[in-house]
Amino acid sequence: MNLLDHLEVCTTIGERAFKEHGIRKMLTGMKDEWKEVIFEIVLHKETASGIYYKIKTFEEIGNLLDDHIVNTQMMAFSPFKAHFEEEISEWENNLRHMLDVLEEWMKV
């Protein structure tokens, strides 16, 4: 088999595989980052009406969450997402749910 006769097809397949690998790597990387996140709760203030706590690392977690939502949205619009579409959608839903929870915590 002379591969040079099929160079265009081989190139297309290779490029597609490279892009799909990038999506897999990005999803795995984001999930791995969240395994290391620690929600550290510290004393905020103590009053006569009670003791109040806050998330010490809220800003860092919020920034990570924002970055990951943007990255997930970019993947959702990728023409190479087909094999990962369900996983991308589930991951985005998880991130949005976490954002909603953190926003509610901030209100409290």
N, C-alpha and C. Protein backbone atom coordinates (compact mmCIF):
# COMPACT_ATOMS: atom_id res chain seq x y z
N MET A 1 0.85 -1.18 0.00
CA MET A 1 0.00 0.00 0.00
C MET A 1 0.89 1.24 0.00
N ASN A 2 0.65 2.11 -0.91
CA ASN A 2 1.43 3.34 -1.02
C ASN A 2 0.68 4.46 -0.28
N LEU A 3 1.15 4.81 0.90
CA LEU A 3 0.47 5.82 1.71
C LEU A 3 0.44 7.19 1.04
N LEU A 4 1.42 7.48 0.24
CA LEU A 4 1.44 8.78 -0.43
C LEU A 4 0.24 8.96 -1.35
N ASP A 5 -0.31 7.85 -1.84
CA ASP A 5 -1.51 7.93 -2.67
C ASP A 5 -2.73 8.33 -1.84
N HIS A 6 -2.63 8.17 -0.54
CA HIS A 6 -3.76 8.46 0.37
C HIS A 6 -3.39 9.55 1.38
N LEU A 7 -2.47 10.38 1.01
CA LEU A 7 -1.95 11.40 1.92
C LEU A 7 -3.04 12.32 2.46
N GLU A 8 -3.93 12.76 1.61
CA GLU A 8 -4.99 13.68 2.04
C GLU A 8 -5.91 13.03 3.06
N VAL A 9 -6.30 11.79 2.82
CA VAL A 9 -7.16 11.07 3.75
C VAL A 9 -6.44 10.84 5.08
N CYS A 10 -5.18 10.42 5.00
CA CYS A 10 -4.40 10.18 6.22
C CYS A 10 -4.22 11.47 7.01
N THR A 11 -3.98 12.57 6.33
CA THR A 11 -3.82 13.86 6.99
C THR A 11 -5.11 14.27 7.69
N THR A 12 -6.24 14.11 7.02
CA THR A 12 -7.54 14.46 7.59
C THR A 12 -7.83 13.63 8.84
N ILE A 13 -7.58 12.34 8.75
CA ILE A 13 -7.80 11.46 9.90
C ILE A 13 -6.87 11.84 11.05
N GLY A 14 -5.63 12.10 10.75
CA GLY A 14 -4.67 12.49 11.79
C GLY A 14 -5.05 13.80 12.47
N GLU A 15 -5.47 14.77 11.69
CA GLU A 15 -5.87 16.06 12.26
C GLU A 15 -7.09 15.90 13.15
N ARG A 16 -8.06 15.11 12.68
CA ARG A 16 -9.27 14.88 13.47
C ARG A 16 -8.92 14.18 14.79
N ALA A 17 -8.07 13.17 14.72
CA ALA A 17 -7.66 12.44 15.92
C ALA A 17 -6.93 13.37 16.89
N PHE A 18 -6.10 14.26 16.35
CA PHE A 18 -5.36 15.21 17.18
C PHE A 18 -6.33 16.15 17.91
N LYS A 19 -7.34 16.65 17.21
CA LYS A 19 -8.33 17.56 17.82
C LYS A 19 -9.16 16.82 18.86
N GLU A 20 -9.56 15.59 18.56
CA GLU A 20 -10.33 14.81 19.53
C GLU A 20 -9.50 14.51 20.77
N HIS A 21 -8.23 14.22 20.57
CA HIS A 21 -7.34 13.98 21.70
C HIS A 21 -7.23 15.24 22.57
N GLY A 22 -7.20 16.40 21.94
CA GLY A 22 -7.15 17.67 22.68
C GLY A 22 -8.37 17.85 23.56
N ILE A 23 -9.54 17.48 23.04
CA ILE A 23 -10.77 17.58 23.83
C ILE A 23 -10.70 16.62 25.01
N ARG A 24 -10.30 15.38 24.76
CA ARG A 24 -10.19 14.39 25.84
C ARG A 24 -9.21 14.87 26.91
N LYS A 25 -8.08 15.39 26.47
CA LYS A 25 -7.05 15.86 27.40
C LYS A 25 -7.57 17.04 28.24
N MET A 26 -8.30 17.96 27.60
CA MET A 26 -8.83 19.11 28.32
C MET A 26 -9.88 18.68 29.35
N LEU A 27 -10.78 17.79 28.95
CA LEU A 27 -11.80 17.30 29.90
C LEU A 27 -11.15 16.60 31.09
N THR A 28 -10.22 15.73 30.81
CA THR A 28 -9.53 15.00 31.87
C THR A 28 -8.77 15.96 32.77
N GLY A 29 -8.11 16.94 32.18
CA GLY A 29 -7.36 17.91 32.96
C GLY A 29 -8.25 18.72 33.90
N MET A 30 -9.40 19.15 33.40
CA MET A 30 -10.32 19.92 34.24
C MET A 30 -10.82 19.07 35.40
N LYS A 31 -11.21 17.84 35.11
CA LYS A 31 -11.71 16.96 36.17
C LYS A 31 -10.63 16.69 37.20
N ASP A 32 -9.40 16.50 36.75
CA ASP A 32 -8.29 16.27 37.68
C ASP A 32 -8.05 17.49 38.56
N GLU A 33 -8.18 18.68 38.00
CA GLU A 33 -7.99 19.90 38.80
C GLU A 33 -8.99 19.97 39.95
N TRP A 34 -10.23 19.56 39.70
CA TRP A 34 -11.25 19.64 40.74
C TRP A 34 -11.01 18.62 41.85
N LYS A 35 -10.27 17.56 41.55
CA LYS A 35 -9.95 16.58 42.59
C LYS A 35 -9.04 17.19 43.66
N GLU A 36 -8.32 18.24 43.28
CA GLU A 36 -7.38 18.88 44.18
C GLU A 36 -7.96 20.10 44.91
N VAL A 37 -9.16 20.52 44.53
CA VAL A 37 -9.77 21.72 45.13
C VAL A 37 -10.28 21.40 46.53
N ILE A 38 -9.91 22.25 47.45
CA ILE A 38 -10.36 22.10 48.84
C ILE A 38 -11.19 23.32 49.21
N PHE A 39 -12.41 23.07 49.63
CA PHE A 39 -13.28 24.14 50.10
C PHE A 39 -12.97 24.34 51.58
N GLU A 40 -12.08 25.29 51.84
CA GLU A 40 -11.67 25.55 53.21
C GLU A 40 -12.63 26.56 53.84
N ILE A 41 -13.24 26.14 54.92
CA ILE A 41 -14.20 26.98 55.63
C ILE A 41 -13.49 27.57 56.86
N VAL A 42 -13.59 28.89 57.00
CA VAL A 42 -12.95 29.57 58.13
C VAL A 42 -13.96 30.47 58.83
N LEU A 43 -13.66 30.78 60.06
CA LEU A 43 -14.51 31.68 60.84
C LEU A 43 -14.52 33.06 60.20
N HIS A 44 -15.70 33.59 59.97
CA HIS A 44 -15.82 34.93 59.39
C HIS A 44 -16.01 35.95 60.51
N LYS A 45 -17.01 35.69 61.34
CA LYS A 45 -17.21 36.58 62.50
C LYS A 45 -18.11 35.89 63.51
N GLU A 46 -17.99 36.39 64.72
CA GLU A 46 -18.78 35.86 65.82
C GLU A 46 -19.57 37.03 66.42
N THR A 47 -20.87 36.89 66.47
CA THR A 47 -21.71 37.94 67.03
C THR A 47 -22.62 37.33 68.09
N ALA A 48 -23.39 38.18 68.71
CA ALA A 48 -24.32 37.71 69.72
C ALA A 48 -25.39 36.79 69.10
N SER A 49 -25.67 37.01 67.84
CA SER A 49 -26.71 36.19 67.19
C SER A 49 -26.17 34.90 66.58
N GLY A 50 -24.85 34.73 66.56
CA GLY A 50 -24.32 33.47 66.04
C GLY A 50 -22.90 33.56 65.52
N ILE A 51 -22.43 32.43 65.07
CA ILE A 51 -21.09 32.31 64.49
C ILE A 51 -21.25 32.15 62.99
N TYR A 52 -20.45 32.89 62.24
CA TYR A 52 -20.56 32.88 60.78
C TYR A 52 -19.24 32.44 60.15
N TYR A 53 -19.38 31.61 59.14
CA TYR A 53 -18.21 31.08 58.44
C TYR A 53 -18.24 31.50 56.98
N LYS A 54 -17.09 31.41 56.34
CA LYS A 54 -17.01 31.70 54.92
C LYS A 54 -16.03 30.75 54.26
N ILE A 55 -16.11 30.67 52.94
CA ILE A 55 -15.17 29.86 52.18
C ILE A 55 -13.91 30.68 51.99
N LYS A 56 -12.81 30.21 52.50
CA LYS A 56 -11.55 30.96 52.46
C LYS A 56 -11.05 31.14 51.03
N THR A 57 -11.20 30.12 50.22
CA THR A 57 -10.64 30.12 48.87
C THR A 57 -11.69 30.42 47.81
N PHE A 58 -12.72 31.16 48.15
CA PHE A 58 -13.83 31.39 47.23
C PHE A 58 -13.39 32.03 45.92
N GLU A 59 -12.55 33.04 45.99
CA GLU A 59 -12.12 33.73 44.77
C GLU A 59 -11.36 32.79 43.84
N GLU A 60 -10.45 32.00 44.41
CA GLU A 60 -9.70 31.04 43.59
C GLU A 60 -10.64 30.02 42.94
N ILE A 61 -11.58 29.51 43.73
CA ILE A 61 -12.53 28.52 43.22
C ILE A 61 -13.42 29.16 42.16
N GLY A 62 -13.85 30.39 42.39
CA GLY A 62 -14.68 31.10 41.42
C GLY A 62 -13.96 31.31 40.10
N ASN A 63 -12.68 31.68 40.17
CA ASN A 63 -11.89 31.87 38.95
C ASN A 63 -11.71 30.56 38.19
N LEU A 64 -11.42 29.49 38.91
CA LEU A 64 -11.28 28.18 38.28
C LEU A 64 -12.59 27.75 37.63
N LEU A 65 -13.66 27.97 38.32
CA LEU A 65 -14.99 27.63 37.81
C LEU A 65 -15.31 28.41 36.54
N ASP A 66 -15.05 29.71 36.55
CA ASP A 66 -15.28 30.54 35.36
C ASP A 66 -14.45 30.06 34.18
N ASP A 67 -13.17 29.78 34.42
CA ASP A 67 -12.28 29.30 33.35
C ASP A 67 -12.80 27.98 32.77
N HIS A 68 -13.21 27.09 33.63
CA HIS A 68 -13.67 25.78 33.16
C HIS A 68 -15.00 25.87 32.42
N ILE A 69 -15.86 26.76 32.82
CA ILE A 69 -17.12 26.95 32.09
C ILE A 69 -16.83 27.46 30.68
N VAL A 70 -15.94 28.43 30.56
CA VAL A 70 -15.56 28.96 29.24
C VAL A 70 -14.94 27.86 28.37
N ASN A 71 -14.02 27.09 28.95
CA ASN A 71 -13.38 26.00 28.20
C ASN A 71 -14.40 24.95 27.76
N THR A 72 -15.33 24.64 28.62
CA THR A 72 -16.35 23.65 28.29
C THR A 72 -17.26 24.16 27.19
N GLN A 73 -17.60 25.43 27.22
CA GLN A 73 -18.42 26.01 26.15
C GLN A 73 -17.68 25.98 24.82
N MET A 74 -16.38 26.24 24.85
CA MET A 74 -15.59 26.17 23.61
C MET A 74 -15.61 24.75 23.05
N MET A 75 -15.47 23.76 23.93
CA MET A 75 -15.51 22.37 23.48
C MET A 75 -16.88 22.02 22.91
N ALA A 76 -17.94 22.58 23.50
CA ALA A 76 -19.30 22.28 23.04
C ALA A 76 -19.54 22.78 21.62
N PHE A 77 -18.80 23.78 21.18
CA PHE A 77 -18.95 24.31 19.83
C PHE A 77 -17.93 23.73 18.85
N SER A 78 -17.07 22.84 19.33
CA SER A 78 -16.06 22.25 18.47
C SER A 78 -16.69 21.26 17.48
N PRO A 79 -16.26 21.30 16.24
CA PRO A 79 -16.77 20.32 15.28
C PRO A 79 -16.22 18.91 15.55
N PHE A 80 -15.31 18.79 16.50
CA PHE A 80 -14.69 17.51 16.81
C PHE A 80 -15.23 16.91 18.11
N LYS A 81 -16.34 17.39 18.59
CA LYS A 81 -16.88 17.00 19.89
C LYS A 81 -17.71 15.73 19.87
N ALA A 82 -18.02 15.19 18.72
CA ALA A 82 -19.02 14.12 18.58
C ALA A 82 -18.85 12.99 19.59
N HIS A 83 -17.64 12.49 19.78
CA HIS A 83 -17.42 11.37 20.69
C HIS A 83 -17.57 11.76 22.16
N PHE A 84 -17.55 13.05 22.44
CA PHE A 84 -17.55 13.52 23.82
C PHE A 84 -18.77 14.38 24.15
N GLU A 85 -19.71 14.47 23.24
CA GLU A 85 -20.82 15.40 23.39
C GLU A 85 -21.58 15.21 24.71
N GLU A 86 -21.90 13.99 25.04
CA GLU A 86 -22.64 13.72 26.28
C GLU A 86 -21.81 14.08 27.51
N GLU A 87 -20.54 13.72 27.48
CA GLU A 87 -19.65 14.02 28.61
C GLU A 87 -19.46 15.53 28.77
N ILE A 88 -19.32 16.23 27.66
CA ILE A 88 -19.17 17.69 27.71
C ILE A 88 -20.42 18.33 28.30
N SER A 89 -21.57 17.87 27.86
CA SER A 89 -22.84 18.42 28.35
C SER A 89 -22.99 18.15 29.85
N GLU A 90 -22.68 16.95 30.28
CA GLU A 90 -22.78 16.60 31.69
C GLU A 90 -21.81 17.43 32.53
N TRP A 91 -20.59 17.60 32.03
CA TRP A 91 -19.58 18.38 32.74
C TRP A 91 -20.02 19.84 32.86
N GLU A 92 -20.56 20.40 31.77
CA GLU A 92 -21.02 21.78 31.81
C GLU A 92 -22.17 21.94 32.81
N ASN A 93 -23.08 20.98 32.84
CA ASN A 93 -24.18 21.02 33.81
C ASN A 93 -23.65 20.97 35.24
N ASN A 94 -22.65 20.13 35.49
CA ASN A 94 -22.05 20.06 36.82
C ASN A 94 -21.41 21.39 37.22
N LEU A 95 -20.69 22.00 36.28
CA LEU A 95 -20.04 23.28 36.57
C LEU A 95 -21.08 24.37 36.83
N ARG A 96 -22.13 24.40 36.04
CA ARG A 96 -23.18 25.41 36.25
C ARG A 96 -23.90 25.21 37.58
N HIS A 97 -24.12 23.96 37.93
CA HIS A 97 -24.74 23.66 39.22
C HIS A 97 -23.85 24.15 40.36
N MET A 98 -22.55 23.89 40.24
CA MET A 98 -21.61 24.35 41.26
C MET A 98 -21.62 25.88 41.33
N LEU A 99 -21.67 26.54 40.19
CA LEU A 99 -21.73 28.00 40.17
C LEU A 99 -22.98 28.50 40.89
N ASP A 100 -24.12 27.87 40.62
CA ASP A 100 -25.36 28.25 41.29
C ASP A 100 -25.25 28.09 42.80
N VAL A 101 -24.68 26.98 43.24
CA VAL A 101 -24.52 26.73 44.67
C VAL A 101 -23.60 27.78 45.30
N LEU A 102 -22.48 28.06 44.66
CA LEU A 102 -21.55 29.06 45.20
C LEU A 102 -22.18 30.44 45.26
N GLU A 103 -22.96 30.78 44.26
CA GLU A 103 -23.65 32.08 44.27
C GLU A 103 -24.64 32.16 45.41
N GLU A 104 -25.34 31.07 45.69
CA GLU A 104 -26.28 31.05 46.82
C GLU A 104 -25.53 31.17 48.14
N TRP A 105 -24.39 30.49 48.25
CA TRP A 105 -23.59 30.59 49.47
C TRP A 105 -23.15 32.03 49.70
N MET A 106 -22.79 32.71 48.61
CA MET A 106 -22.33 34.09 48.75
C MET A 106 -23.47 35.00 49.23
N LYS A 107 -24.70 34.70 48.83
CA LYS A 107 -25.83 35.50 49.29
C LYS A 107 -26.05 35.34 50.78
N VAL A 108 -25.79 34.15 51.27
CA VAL A 108 -25.98 33.87 52.68
C VAL A 108 -24.85 34.51 53.46
